[in-house]
Amino acid sequence: MTHWFPGPPSTFARKSIGLLGGSFNPAHDGHRHIAETALERLGLDEVWLLVSPQNPLKGSDGMAPLAERLASARRIARHPRLRVTDLETTLGTTYTAETLTLLRQRYPRLRFVWLMGADNLIQVPAWKDWSEIFNTAGVAVFARPTYSIRALTGVAARRFSRYRLPERHARRVPGTDPPAWVFIHTKLHPASASAIRAAAREAP
């Protein structure tokens, strides 16, 4: 099955695009919650769900095939402005920083915002060239149960503290030259891919 891939740069007007990357193993309503909240709170035109071929920080054990993970993402992306794509497969990129760099080069008229949960703000210093993520695109971090306080006192939050925008100005992030980021407090969604997988293993 062919999955959506952005067209030539000339086909895009100037838009704000949220990028929600991950393994989506499987995709769940928590992903949808973040994507829809991002559309509203950041004033985005679209959110692209980037289904990773293989997260370099996760082993392949227990990882569903890419086609299954894409299918699960398509099931939860029931919104005209949510798009599911495995564009990293076509781009040949593995790391978020290089994906963002290529997208900025290929689509200079688009304004990208990287979307992630508070748990990833804690982990992001372990990502390759992680500072370049903040220097290449706007970043929006969404509260997640039990992670928010640690996230806001962690390495990434402290290093880029001077570039954090007040939450009431979240809609400014897409149009602000990076680095620019915001922490968004929102209704906490309990869904967890690992919990879903565990429940599936225990099911008769």
N, C-alpha and C. Protein backbone atom coordinates (compact mmCIF):
# COMPACT_ATOMS: atom_id res chain seq x y z
N MET A 1 0.84 -1.19 0.00
CA MET A 1 0.00 0.00 0.00
C MET A 1 0.88 1.24 0.00
N THR A 2 0.58 2.20 -0.87
CA THR A 2 1.36 3.42 -0.95
C THR A 2 0.86 4.41 0.11
N HIS A 3 1.77 4.97 0.86
CA HIS A 3 1.41 5.93 1.89
C HIS A 3 1.80 7.33 1.46
N TRP A 4 1.11 8.28 2.02
CA TRP A 4 1.28 9.67 1.61
C TRP A 4 2.71 10.15 1.78
N PHE A 5 3.18 10.89 0.78
CA PHE A 5 4.50 11.53 0.85
C PHE A 5 4.33 12.94 0.32
N PRO A 6 4.96 13.93 0.95
CA PRO A 6 4.82 15.31 0.48
C PRO A 6 5.20 15.45 -0.99
N GLY A 7 4.45 16.26 -1.70
CA GLY A 7 4.72 16.49 -3.11
C GLY A 7 5.87 17.45 -3.32
N PRO A 8 6.08 17.89 -4.56
CA PRO A 8 7.15 18.84 -4.86
C PRO A 8 6.96 20.14 -4.07
N PRO A 9 8.05 20.82 -3.75
CA PRO A 9 7.95 22.07 -2.98
C PRO A 9 6.99 23.08 -3.59
N SER A 10 6.89 23.09 -4.92
CA SER A 10 6.04 24.08 -5.59
C SER A 10 4.56 23.86 -5.32
N THR A 11 4.20 22.66 -4.81
CA THR A 11 2.79 22.38 -4.57
C THR A 11 2.32 22.90 -3.22
N PHE A 12 3.23 23.41 -2.40
CA PHE A 12 2.88 23.85 -1.06
C PHE A 12 2.85 25.37 -0.96
N ALA A 13 1.75 25.88 -0.41
CA ALA A 13 1.72 27.26 0.01
C ALA A 13 2.46 27.34 1.34
N ARG A 14 2.62 28.55 1.85
CA ARG A 14 3.30 28.69 3.14
C ARG A 14 2.36 28.20 4.24
N LYS A 15 2.72 27.10 4.86
CA LYS A 15 1.89 26.50 5.90
C LYS A 15 2.72 26.16 7.13
N SER A 16 2.01 25.96 8.23
CA SER A 16 2.63 25.50 9.46
C SER A 16 2.32 24.02 9.63
N ILE A 17 3.36 23.22 9.78
CA ILE A 17 3.22 21.76 9.82
C ILE A 17 3.78 21.22 11.14
N GLY A 18 2.96 20.50 11.87
CA GLY A 18 3.44 19.80 13.05
C GLY A 18 3.94 18.43 12.65
N LEU A 19 5.03 18.00 13.24
CA LEU A 19 5.62 16.69 12.95
C LEU A 19 5.61 15.87 14.24
N LEU A 20 4.84 14.79 14.22
CA LEU A 20 4.77 13.89 15.38
C LEU A 20 5.41 12.58 14.98
N GLY A 21 6.64 12.37 15.41
CA GLY A 21 7.37 11.17 15.04
C GLY A 21 7.31 10.11 16.11
N GLY A 22 7.57 8.87 15.70
CA GLY A 22 7.59 7.79 16.68
C GLY A 22 7.47 6.44 16.02
N SER A 23 7.56 5.42 16.85
CA SER A 23 7.43 4.05 16.36
C SER A 23 5.97 3.70 16.07
N PHE A 24 5.04 4.30 16.84
CA PHE A 24 3.62 4.00 16.70
C PHE A 24 3.41 2.47 16.74
N ASN A 25 3.87 1.90 17.87
CA ASN A 25 3.91 0.44 17.99
C ASN A 25 3.02 -0.06 19.15
N PRO A 26 1.71 0.09 19.06
CA PRO A 26 0.94 0.66 17.94
C PRO A 26 0.59 2.12 18.19
N ALA A 27 0.01 2.76 17.17
CA ALA A 27 -0.57 4.09 17.36
C ALA A 27 -1.80 3.96 18.25
N HIS A 28 -2.08 5.00 19.03
CA HIS A 28 -3.23 4.95 19.95
C HIS A 28 -3.84 6.34 20.11
N ASP A 29 -4.90 6.41 20.90
CA ASP A 29 -5.63 7.66 21.03
C ASP A 29 -4.80 8.77 21.69
N GLY A 30 -3.76 8.40 22.42
CA GLY A 30 -2.87 9.41 22.99
C GLY A 30 -2.15 10.18 21.89
N HIS A 31 -1.74 9.47 20.83
CA HIS A 31 -1.11 10.14 19.69
C HIS A 31 -2.09 11.09 19.03
N ARG A 32 -3.30 10.62 18.84
CA ARG A 32 -4.33 11.46 18.23
C ARG A 32 -4.62 12.69 19.09
N HIS A 33 -4.64 12.50 20.40
CA HIS A 33 -4.89 13.61 21.32
C HIS A 33 -3.82 14.69 21.16
N ILE A 34 -2.56 14.29 21.10
CA ILE A 34 -1.49 15.27 20.92
C ILE A 34 -1.62 15.98 19.58
N ALA A 35 -1.89 15.21 18.52
CA ALA A 35 -1.98 15.80 17.18
C ALA A 35 -3.12 16.81 17.10
N GLU A 36 -4.29 16.46 17.63
CA GLU A 36 -5.42 17.38 17.56
C GLU A 36 -5.22 18.59 18.46
N THR A 37 -4.60 18.38 19.62
CA THR A 37 -4.30 19.51 20.50
C THR A 37 -3.31 20.46 19.83
N ALA A 38 -2.33 19.90 19.13
CA ALA A 38 -1.35 20.72 18.42
C ALA A 38 -2.01 21.57 17.34
N LEU A 39 -2.93 20.97 16.60
CA LEU A 39 -3.64 21.73 15.57
C LEU A 39 -4.32 22.96 16.17
N GLU A 40 -4.95 22.76 17.31
CA GLU A 40 -5.72 23.84 17.94
C GLU A 40 -4.83 24.85 18.65
N ARG A 41 -3.94 24.35 19.51
CA ARG A 41 -3.19 25.27 20.39
C ARG A 41 -2.07 25.99 19.65
N LEU A 42 -1.50 25.37 18.62
CA LEU A 42 -0.41 26.00 17.87
C LEU A 42 -0.90 26.67 16.59
N GLY A 43 -2.17 26.49 16.26
CA GLY A 43 -2.69 27.08 15.03
C GLY A 43 -2.07 26.48 13.78
N LEU A 44 -1.83 25.17 13.80
CA LEU A 44 -1.17 24.50 12.68
C LEU A 44 -2.16 24.23 11.55
N ASP A 45 -1.63 24.15 10.34
CA ASP A 45 -2.45 23.79 9.19
C ASP A 45 -2.61 22.28 9.07
N GLU A 46 -1.55 21.54 9.40
CA GLU A 46 -1.58 20.09 9.32
C GLU A 46 -0.65 19.51 10.38
N VAL A 47 -0.86 18.24 10.72
CA VAL A 47 0.09 17.45 11.50
C VAL A 47 0.42 16.21 10.70
N TRP A 48 1.70 15.94 10.52
CA TRP A 48 2.15 14.73 9.85
C TRP A 48 2.61 13.74 10.90
N LEU A 49 2.04 12.54 10.88
CA LEU A 49 2.47 11.47 11.77
C LEU A 49 3.58 10.69 11.07
N LEU A 50 4.80 10.87 11.55
CA LEU A 50 5.97 10.25 10.93
C LEU A 50 6.23 8.89 11.59
N VAL A 51 5.86 7.84 10.91
CA VAL A 51 6.06 6.49 11.44
C VAL A 51 7.48 6.06 11.12
N SER A 52 8.29 5.88 12.16
CA SER A 52 9.70 5.58 11.98
C SER A 52 9.93 4.15 11.52
N PRO A 53 10.80 3.96 10.51
CA PRO A 53 11.13 2.58 10.10
C PRO A 53 11.69 1.77 11.26
N GLN A 54 12.59 2.40 12.06
CA GLN A 54 13.16 1.74 13.23
C GLN A 54 13.79 2.79 14.13
N ASN A 55 13.25 2.96 15.32
CA ASN A 55 13.81 3.89 16.28
C ASN A 55 15.21 3.40 16.67
N PRO A 56 16.27 4.23 16.46
CA PRO A 56 17.63 3.77 16.77
C PRO A 56 17.88 3.54 18.25
N LEU A 57 16.99 4.04 19.11
CA LEU A 57 17.15 3.84 20.55
C LEU A 57 16.34 2.67 21.08
N LYS A 58 15.63 1.98 20.17
CA LYS A 58 14.83 0.84 20.58
C LYS A 58 15.24 -0.40 19.79
N GLY A 59 15.22 -1.53 20.45
CA GLY A 59 15.53 -2.78 19.77
C GLY A 59 14.38 -3.21 18.87
N SER A 60 14.67 -4.17 18.01
CA SER A 60 13.65 -4.64 17.08
C SER A 60 12.73 -5.69 17.71
N ASP A 61 13.13 -6.25 18.87
CA ASP A 61 12.27 -7.24 19.54
C ASP A 61 10.95 -6.59 19.93
N GLY A 62 9.86 -7.21 19.54
CA GLY A 62 8.55 -6.68 19.87
C GLY A 62 8.09 -5.56 18.96
N MET A 63 8.90 -5.18 17.99
CA MET A 63 8.54 -4.11 17.06
C MET A 63 7.75 -4.70 15.90
N ALA A 64 6.52 -4.25 15.74
CA ALA A 64 5.68 -4.74 14.64
C ALA A 64 6.25 -4.28 13.31
N PRO A 65 5.98 -4.99 12.23
CA PRO A 65 6.43 -4.55 10.91
C PRO A 65 5.93 -3.14 10.60
N LEU A 66 6.69 -2.43 9.79
CA LEU A 66 6.34 -1.05 9.45
C LEU A 66 4.92 -0.96 8.88
N ALA A 67 4.54 -1.89 8.02
CA ALA A 67 3.21 -1.83 7.41
C ALA A 67 2.10 -1.89 8.47
N GLU A 68 2.30 -2.70 9.52
CA GLU A 68 1.29 -2.79 10.58
C GLU A 68 1.22 -1.49 11.38
N ARG A 69 2.38 -0.90 11.64
CA ARG A 69 2.41 0.34 12.42
C ARG A 69 1.80 1.50 11.62
N LEU A 70 2.07 1.52 10.31
CA LEU A 70 1.43 2.53 9.46
C LEU A 70 -0.09 2.36 9.46
N ALA A 71 -0.53 1.12 9.39
CA ALA A 71 -1.97 0.86 9.40
C ALA A 71 -2.61 1.31 10.70
N SER A 72 -1.92 1.08 11.81
CA SER A 72 -2.49 1.50 13.10
C SER A 72 -2.54 3.02 13.19
N ALA A 73 -1.55 3.70 12.61
CA ALA A 73 -1.55 5.17 12.60
C ALA A 73 -2.69 5.70 11.74
N ARG A 74 -2.95 5.04 10.63
CA ARG A 74 -4.04 5.48 9.76
C ARG A 74 -5.40 5.31 10.44
N ARG A 75 -5.51 4.28 11.29
CA ARG A 75 -6.79 4.06 11.98
C ARG A 75 -7.11 5.17 12.97
N ILE A 76 -6.07 5.74 13.60
CA ILE A 76 -6.34 6.78 14.61
C ILE A 76 -6.33 8.18 14.01
N ALA A 77 -5.84 8.32 12.78
CA ALA A 77 -5.73 9.65 12.14
C ALA A 77 -7.02 10.00 11.40
N ARG A 78 -8.10 10.02 12.12
CA ARG A 78 -9.41 10.28 11.50
C ARG A 78 -9.70 11.78 11.52
N HIS A 79 -8.95 12.52 10.74
CA HIS A 79 -9.08 13.97 10.72
C HIS A 79 -8.53 14.45 9.38
N PRO A 80 -9.20 15.40 8.74
CA PRO A 80 -8.75 15.83 7.41
C PRO A 80 -7.39 16.52 7.39
N ARG A 81 -6.92 16.94 8.58
CA ARG A 81 -5.62 17.63 8.60
C ARG A 81 -4.52 16.81 9.27
N LEU A 82 -4.78 15.52 9.46
CA LEU A 82 -3.75 14.60 9.95
C LEU A 82 -3.32 13.70 8.80
N ARG A 83 -2.03 13.61 8.58
CA ARG A 83 -1.50 12.79 7.49
C ARG A 83 -0.51 11.78 8.06
N VAL A 84 -0.60 10.55 7.60
CA VAL A 84 0.30 9.48 8.04
C VAL A 84 1.32 9.22 6.95
N THR A 85 2.59 9.15 7.32
CA THR A 85 3.63 8.97 6.32
C THR A 85 4.83 8.23 6.90
N ASP A 86 5.51 7.49 6.04
CA ASP A 86 6.79 6.89 6.42
C ASP A 86 7.89 7.59 5.61
N LEU A 87 7.81 8.92 5.54
CA LEU A 87 8.71 9.67 4.66
C LEU A 87 10.18 9.45 4.97
N GLU A 88 10.51 9.06 6.23
CA GLU A 88 11.92 8.80 6.54
C GLU A 88 12.45 7.61 5.72
N THR A 89 11.56 6.69 5.37
CA THR A 89 11.99 5.58 4.51
C THR A 89 12.42 6.10 3.16
N THR A 90 11.64 7.01 2.59
CA THR A 90 11.98 7.58 1.29
C THR A 90 13.18 8.51 1.37
N LEU A 91 13.23 9.31 2.44
CA LEU A 91 14.36 10.24 2.60
C LEU A 91 15.65 9.51 2.92
N GLY A 92 15.54 8.31 3.49
CA GLY A 92 16.73 7.57 3.89
C GLY A 92 17.36 8.09 5.16
N THR A 93 16.55 8.70 6.04
CA THR A 93 17.07 9.25 7.28
C THR A 93 16.72 8.33 8.45
N THR A 94 17.55 8.41 9.47
CA THR A 94 17.36 7.60 10.68
C THR A 94 17.09 8.47 11.89
N TYR A 95 17.74 9.62 11.95
CA TYR A 95 17.70 10.46 13.13
C TYR A 95 16.84 11.70 12.90
N THR A 96 16.15 12.13 13.95
CA THR A 96 15.24 13.26 13.85
C THR A 96 15.93 14.51 13.33
N ALA A 97 17.13 14.78 13.83
CA ALA A 97 17.84 16.00 13.42
C ALA A 97 18.07 16.03 11.91
N GLU A 98 18.47 14.89 11.34
CA GLU A 98 18.73 14.88 9.90
C GLU A 98 17.43 14.93 9.10
N THR A 99 16.37 14.33 9.63
CA THR A 99 15.08 14.41 8.96
C THR A 99 14.61 15.86 8.89
N LEU A 100 14.71 16.58 10.00
CA LEU A 100 14.29 17.98 10.03
C LEU A 100 15.14 18.83 9.09
N THR A 101 16.43 18.58 9.06
CA THR A 101 17.32 19.35 8.17
C THR A 101 16.92 19.16 6.72
N LEU A 102 16.67 17.91 6.32
CA LEU A 102 16.29 17.64 4.93
C LEU A 102 14.93 18.26 4.60
N LEU A 103 13.99 18.17 5.52
CA LEU A 103 12.67 18.75 5.27
C LEU A 103 12.75 20.27 5.12
N ARG A 104 13.55 20.92 5.96
CA ARG A 104 13.71 22.36 5.85
C ARG A 104 14.35 22.75 4.52
N GLN A 105 15.31 21.94 4.07
CA GLN A 105 15.97 22.22 2.79
C GLN A 105 15.02 22.00 1.62
N ARG A 106 14.23 20.92 1.70
CA ARG A 106 13.37 20.56 0.59
C ARG A 106 12.11 21.42 0.51
N TYR A 107 11.62 21.84 1.67
CA TYR A 107 10.37 22.60 1.72
C TYR A 107 10.58 23.93 2.47
N PRO A 108 11.32 24.84 1.87
CA PRO A 108 11.66 26.09 2.56
C PRO A 108 10.46 26.98 2.87
N ARG A 109 9.33 26.75 2.20
CA ARG A 109 8.16 27.60 2.44
C ARG A 109 7.33 27.11 3.62
N LEU A 110 7.60 25.90 4.09
CA LEU A 110 6.85 25.35 5.21
C LEU A 110 7.53 25.69 6.54
N ARG A 111 6.71 25.89 7.55
CA ARG A 111 7.23 26.15 8.90
C ARG A 111 6.94 24.92 9.75
N PHE A 112 7.99 24.23 10.15
CA PHE A 112 7.84 22.96 10.86
C PHE A 112 7.94 23.15 12.37
N VAL A 113 7.12 22.37 13.07
CA VAL A 113 7.18 22.32 14.54
C VAL A 113 7.26 20.86 14.94
N TRP A 114 8.30 20.52 15.69
CA TRP A 114 8.44 19.15 16.18
C TRP A 114 7.60 18.99 17.43
N LEU A 115 6.76 17.95 17.47
CA LEU A 115 5.85 17.70 18.57
C LEU A 115 6.33 16.50 19.37
N MET A 116 6.34 16.63 20.69
CA MET A 116 6.74 15.48 21.50
C MET A 116 6.14 15.58 22.89
N GLY A 117 6.03 14.42 23.54
CA GLY A 117 5.54 14.37 24.90
C GLY A 117 6.64 14.73 25.89
N ALA A 118 6.23 15.04 27.11
CA ALA A 118 7.20 15.42 28.13
C ALA A 118 8.23 14.32 28.40
N ASP A 119 7.83 13.06 28.23
CA ASP A 119 8.79 11.97 28.42
C ASP A 119 9.95 12.07 27.44
N ASN A 120 9.67 12.50 26.21
CA ASN A 120 10.75 12.64 25.23
C ASN A 120 11.62 13.84 25.49
N LEU A 121 11.09 14.88 26.12
CA LEU A 121 11.93 16.02 26.48
C LEU A 121 12.99 15.58 27.48
N ILE A 122 12.65 14.62 28.33
CA ILE A 122 13.64 14.08 29.27
C ILE A 122 14.70 13.28 28.52
N GLN A 123 14.27 12.49 27.54
CA GLN A 123 15.17 11.57 26.85
C GLN A 123 15.95 12.20 25.70
N VAL A 124 15.52 13.36 25.22
CA VAL A 124 16.07 13.89 23.98
C VAL A 124 17.59 14.13 24.01
N PRO A 125 18.23 14.41 25.15
CA PRO A 125 19.68 14.55 25.11
C PRO A 125 20.42 13.28 24.69
N ALA A 126 19.74 12.13 24.70
CA ALA A 126 20.36 10.89 24.22
C ALA A 126 20.23 10.75 22.71
N TRP A 127 19.46 11.63 22.05
CA TRP A 127 19.29 11.55 20.61
C TRP A 127 20.48 12.15 19.89
N LYS A 128 20.80 11.63 18.74
CA LYS A 128 21.93 12.13 17.95
C LYS A 128 21.69 13.59 17.54
N ASP A 129 22.69 14.43 17.80
CA ASP A 129 22.63 15.85 17.42
C ASP A 129 21.35 16.51 17.92
N TRP A 130 20.97 16.21 19.15
CA TRP A 130 19.67 16.64 19.65
C TRP A 130 19.50 18.15 19.67
N SER A 131 20.57 18.90 19.92
CA SER A 131 20.43 20.36 19.95
C SER A 131 19.99 20.92 18.60
N GLU A 132 20.37 20.21 17.52
CA GLU A 132 20.00 20.67 16.19
C GLU A 132 18.50 20.59 15.95
N ILE A 133 17.81 19.74 16.69
CA ILE A 133 16.35 19.69 16.59
C ILE A 133 15.77 21.05 16.97
N PHE A 134 16.22 21.59 18.09
CA PHE A 134 15.75 22.90 18.56
C PHE A 134 16.23 24.03 17.66
N ASN A 135 17.39 23.86 17.05
CA ASN A 135 17.94 24.91 16.20
C ASN A 135 17.39 24.88 14.78
N THR A 136 16.67 23.81 14.43
CA THR A 136 16.17 23.64 13.06
C THR A 136 14.68 23.91 12.94
N ALA A 137 13.93 23.60 13.98
CA ALA A 137 12.46 23.75 13.92
C ALA A 137 11.94 24.21 15.28
N GLY A 138 10.74 24.76 15.27
CA GLY A 138 10.08 25.03 16.53
C GLY A 138 9.78 23.70 17.23
N VAL A 139 9.61 23.75 18.53
CA VAL A 139 9.33 22.53 19.30
C VAL A 139 8.16 22.80 20.24
N ALA A 140 7.22 21.87 20.29
CA ALA A 140 6.12 21.94 21.25
C ALA A 140 6.13 20.66 22.07
N VAL A 141 6.16 20.82 23.38
CA VAL A 141 6.21 19.69 24.30
C VAL A 141 4.87 19.61 25.03
N PHE A 142 4.30 18.40 25.09
CA PHE A 142 2.98 18.22 25.68
C PHE A 142 3.10 17.45 26.99
N ALA A 143 2.39 17.93 28.00
CA ALA A 143 2.41 17.28 29.31
C ALA A 143 2.00 15.82 29.19
N ARG A 144 2.66 14.96 29.97
CA ARG A 144 2.27 13.55 30.06
C ARG A 144 2.30 13.14 31.51
N PRO A 145 1.44 12.20 31.90
CA PRO A 145 1.37 11.80 33.31
C PRO A 145 2.73 11.40 33.87
N THR A 146 3.08 11.98 35.02
CA THR A 146 4.27 11.69 35.84
C THR A 146 5.58 12.24 35.26
N TYR A 147 5.59 12.80 34.06
CA TYR A 147 6.85 13.21 33.44
C TYR A 147 7.10 14.72 33.46
N SER A 148 6.08 15.52 33.63
CA SER A 148 6.20 16.95 33.35
C SER A 148 7.23 17.67 34.21
N ILE A 149 7.23 17.42 35.51
CA ILE A 149 8.15 18.13 36.39
C ILE A 149 9.59 17.79 36.04
N ARG A 150 9.89 16.50 35.85
CA ARG A 150 11.25 16.11 35.47
C ARG A 150 11.64 16.70 34.13
N ALA A 151 10.69 16.77 33.21
CA ALA A 151 10.99 17.30 31.88
C ALA A 151 11.40 18.76 31.96
N LEU A 152 10.72 19.54 32.76
CA LEU A 152 10.97 20.97 32.82
C LEU A 152 12.19 21.33 33.65
N THR A 153 12.77 20.35 34.34
CA THR A 153 14.02 20.59 35.08
C THR A 153 15.18 19.82 34.46
N GLY A 154 14.94 19.19 33.31
CA GLY A 154 15.96 18.36 32.67
C GLY A 154 16.96 19.15 31.84
N VAL A 155 17.88 18.42 31.24
CA VAL A 155 18.98 19.02 30.48
C VAL A 155 18.49 19.88 29.33
N ALA A 156 17.57 19.35 28.52
CA ALA A 156 17.11 20.08 27.34
C ALA A 156 16.37 21.35 27.73
N ALA A 157 15.47 21.25 28.69
CA ALA A 157 14.70 22.42 29.12
C ALA A 157 15.62 23.50 29.67
N ARG A 158 16.64 23.12 30.42
CA ARG A 158 17.56 24.10 30.99
C ARG A 158 18.45 24.73 29.91
N ARG A 159 18.92 23.92 28.98
CA ARG A 159 19.80 24.46 27.95
C ARG A 159 19.09 25.48 27.07
N PHE A 160 17.82 25.23 26.78
CA PHE A 160 17.07 26.13 25.89
C PHE A 160 16.04 26.96 26.65
N SER A 161 16.28 27.18 27.93
CA SER A 161 15.31 27.89 28.76
C SER A 161 15.04 29.31 28.26
N ARG A 162 16.04 29.97 27.73
CA ARG A 162 15.85 31.35 27.29
C ARG A 162 14.98 31.45 26.03
N TYR A 163 14.78 30.34 25.36
CA TYR A 163 13.99 30.34 24.12
C TYR A 163 12.58 29.79 24.32
N ARG A 164 12.23 29.52 25.56
CA ARG A 164 10.89 29.01 25.85
C ARG A 164 9.88 30.15 25.83
N LEU A 165 8.82 29.99 25.05
CA LEU A 165 7.76 30.98 24.98
C LEU A 165 6.68 30.67 26.01
N PRO A 166 6.03 31.69 26.53
CA PRO A 166 4.91 31.43 27.44
C PRO A 166 3.82 30.63 26.73
N GLU A 167 3.14 29.79 27.47
CA GLU A 167 2.13 28.93 26.87
C GLU A 167 1.04 29.73 26.18
N ARG A 168 0.73 30.92 26.70
CA ARG A 168 -0.32 31.74 26.08
C ARG A 168 0.09 32.24 24.69
N HIS A 169 1.38 32.15 24.38
CA HIS A 169 1.87 32.57 23.07
C HIS A 169 2.24 31.38 22.19
N ALA A 170 1.63 30.22 22.45
CA ALA A 170 1.98 29.00 21.71
C ALA A 170 1.84 29.17 20.21
N ARG A 171 0.88 29.96 19.77
CA ARG A 171 0.67 30.13 18.32
C ARG A 171 1.79 30.91 17.65
N ARG A 172 2.67 31.47 18.43
CA ARG A 172 3.81 32.18 17.85
C ARG A 172 4.94 31.24 17.46
N VAL A 173 4.93 30.04 18.00
CA VAL A 173 6.05 29.11 17.77
C VAL A 173 6.28 28.84 16.28
N PRO A 174 5.25 28.50 15.48
CA PRO A 174 5.50 28.19 14.07
C PRO A 174 6.15 29.34 13.30
N GLY A 175 5.82 30.58 13.66
CA GLY A 175 6.34 31.72 12.91
C GLY A 175 7.59 32.33 13.49
N THR A 176 8.12 31.76 14.57
CA THR A 176 9.33 32.28 15.21
C THR A 176 10.54 31.51 14.73
N ASP A 177 11.60 32.23 14.37
CA ASP A 177 12.83 31.55 13.95
C ASP A 177 13.37 30.71 15.11
N PRO A 178 13.74 29.45 14.84
CA PRO A 178 14.26 28.61 15.92
C PRO A 178 15.63 29.10 16.38
N PRO A 179 15.94 28.79 17.65
CA PRO A 179 15.16 27.98 18.58
C PRO A 179 13.99 28.74 19.21
N ALA A 180 12.88 28.03 19.31
CA ALA A 180 11.69 28.53 19.99
C ALA A 180 10.86 27.33 20.38
N TRP A 181 10.47 27.25 21.66
CA TRP A 181 9.70 26.10 22.08
C TRP A 181 8.69 26.50 23.16
N VAL A 182 7.73 25.63 23.37
CA VAL A 182 6.68 25.89 24.33
C VAL A 182 6.29 24.58 25.02
N PHE A 183 5.92 24.69 26.27
CA PHE A 183 5.40 23.53 27.01
C PHE A 183 3.90 23.73 27.16
N ILE A 184 3.13 22.75 26.72
CA ILE A 184 1.67 22.88 26.70
C ILE A 184 1.04 21.95 27.74
N HIS A 185 0.35 22.56 28.68
CA HIS A 185 -0.41 21.80 29.66
C HIS A 185 -1.76 21.50 29.07
N THR A 186 -2.11 20.26 29.04
CA THR A 186 -3.37 19.85 28.42
C THR A 186 -3.92 18.67 29.20
N LYS A 187 -5.12 18.29 28.88
CA LYS A 187 -5.70 17.11 29.51
C LYS A 187 -4.78 15.92 29.30
N LEU A 188 -4.42 15.27 30.39
CA LEU A 188 -3.48 14.16 30.31
C LEU A 188 -4.18 12.91 29.80
N HIS A 189 -3.59 12.30 28.78
CA HIS A 189 -4.17 11.09 28.20
C HIS A 189 -3.39 9.88 28.68
N PRO A 190 -4.06 8.86 29.23
CA PRO A 190 -3.36 7.73 29.84
C PRO A 190 -2.86 6.68 28.87
N ALA A 191 -3.19 6.78 27.58
CA ALA A 191 -2.85 5.71 26.64
C ALA A 191 -1.34 5.52 26.55
N SER A 192 -0.92 4.27 26.43
CA SER A 192 0.49 3.92 26.36
C SER A 192 0.66 2.74 25.41
N ALA A 193 1.57 2.87 24.45
CA ALA A 193 1.81 1.78 23.50
C ALA A 193 2.32 0.54 24.21
N SER A 194 3.21 0.73 25.20
CA SER A 194 3.75 -0.43 25.91
C SER A 194 2.64 -1.15 26.68
N ALA A 195 1.70 -0.40 27.26
CA ALA A 195 0.59 -1.03 27.99
C ALA A 195 -0.32 -1.78 27.02
N ILE A 196 -0.54 -1.21 25.85
CA ILE A 196 -1.37 -1.88 24.83
C ILE A 196 -0.72 -3.19 24.40
N ARG A 197 0.61 -3.16 24.19
CA ARG A 197 1.30 -4.39 23.80
C ARG A 197 1.24 -5.44 24.90
N ALA A 198 1.40 -4.99 26.16
CA ALA A 198 1.36 -5.93 27.27
C ALA A 198 -0.02 -6.58 27.36
N ALA A 199 -1.07 -5.78 27.19
CA ALA A 199 -2.43 -6.32 27.25
C ALA A 199 -2.67 -7.32 26.12
N ALA A 200 -2.11 -7.04 24.96
CA ALA A 200 -2.27 -7.95 23.83
C ALA A 200 -1.57 -9.29 24.08
N ARG A 201 -0.41 -9.21 24.74
CA ARG A 201 0.31 -10.47 25.06
C ARG A 201 -0.45 -11.31 26.06
N GLU A 202 -1.15 -10.66 26.98
CA GLU A 202 -1.85 -11.39 28.04
C GLU A 202 -3.24 -11.86 27.60
N ALA A 203 -3.73 -11.34 26.49
CA ALA A 203 -5.06 -11.71 26.03
C ALA A 203 -5.08 -13.19 25.64
N PRO A 204 -6.19 -13.89 25.93
CA PRO A 204 -6.26 -15.32 25.61
C PRO A 204 -6.29 -15.53 24.09
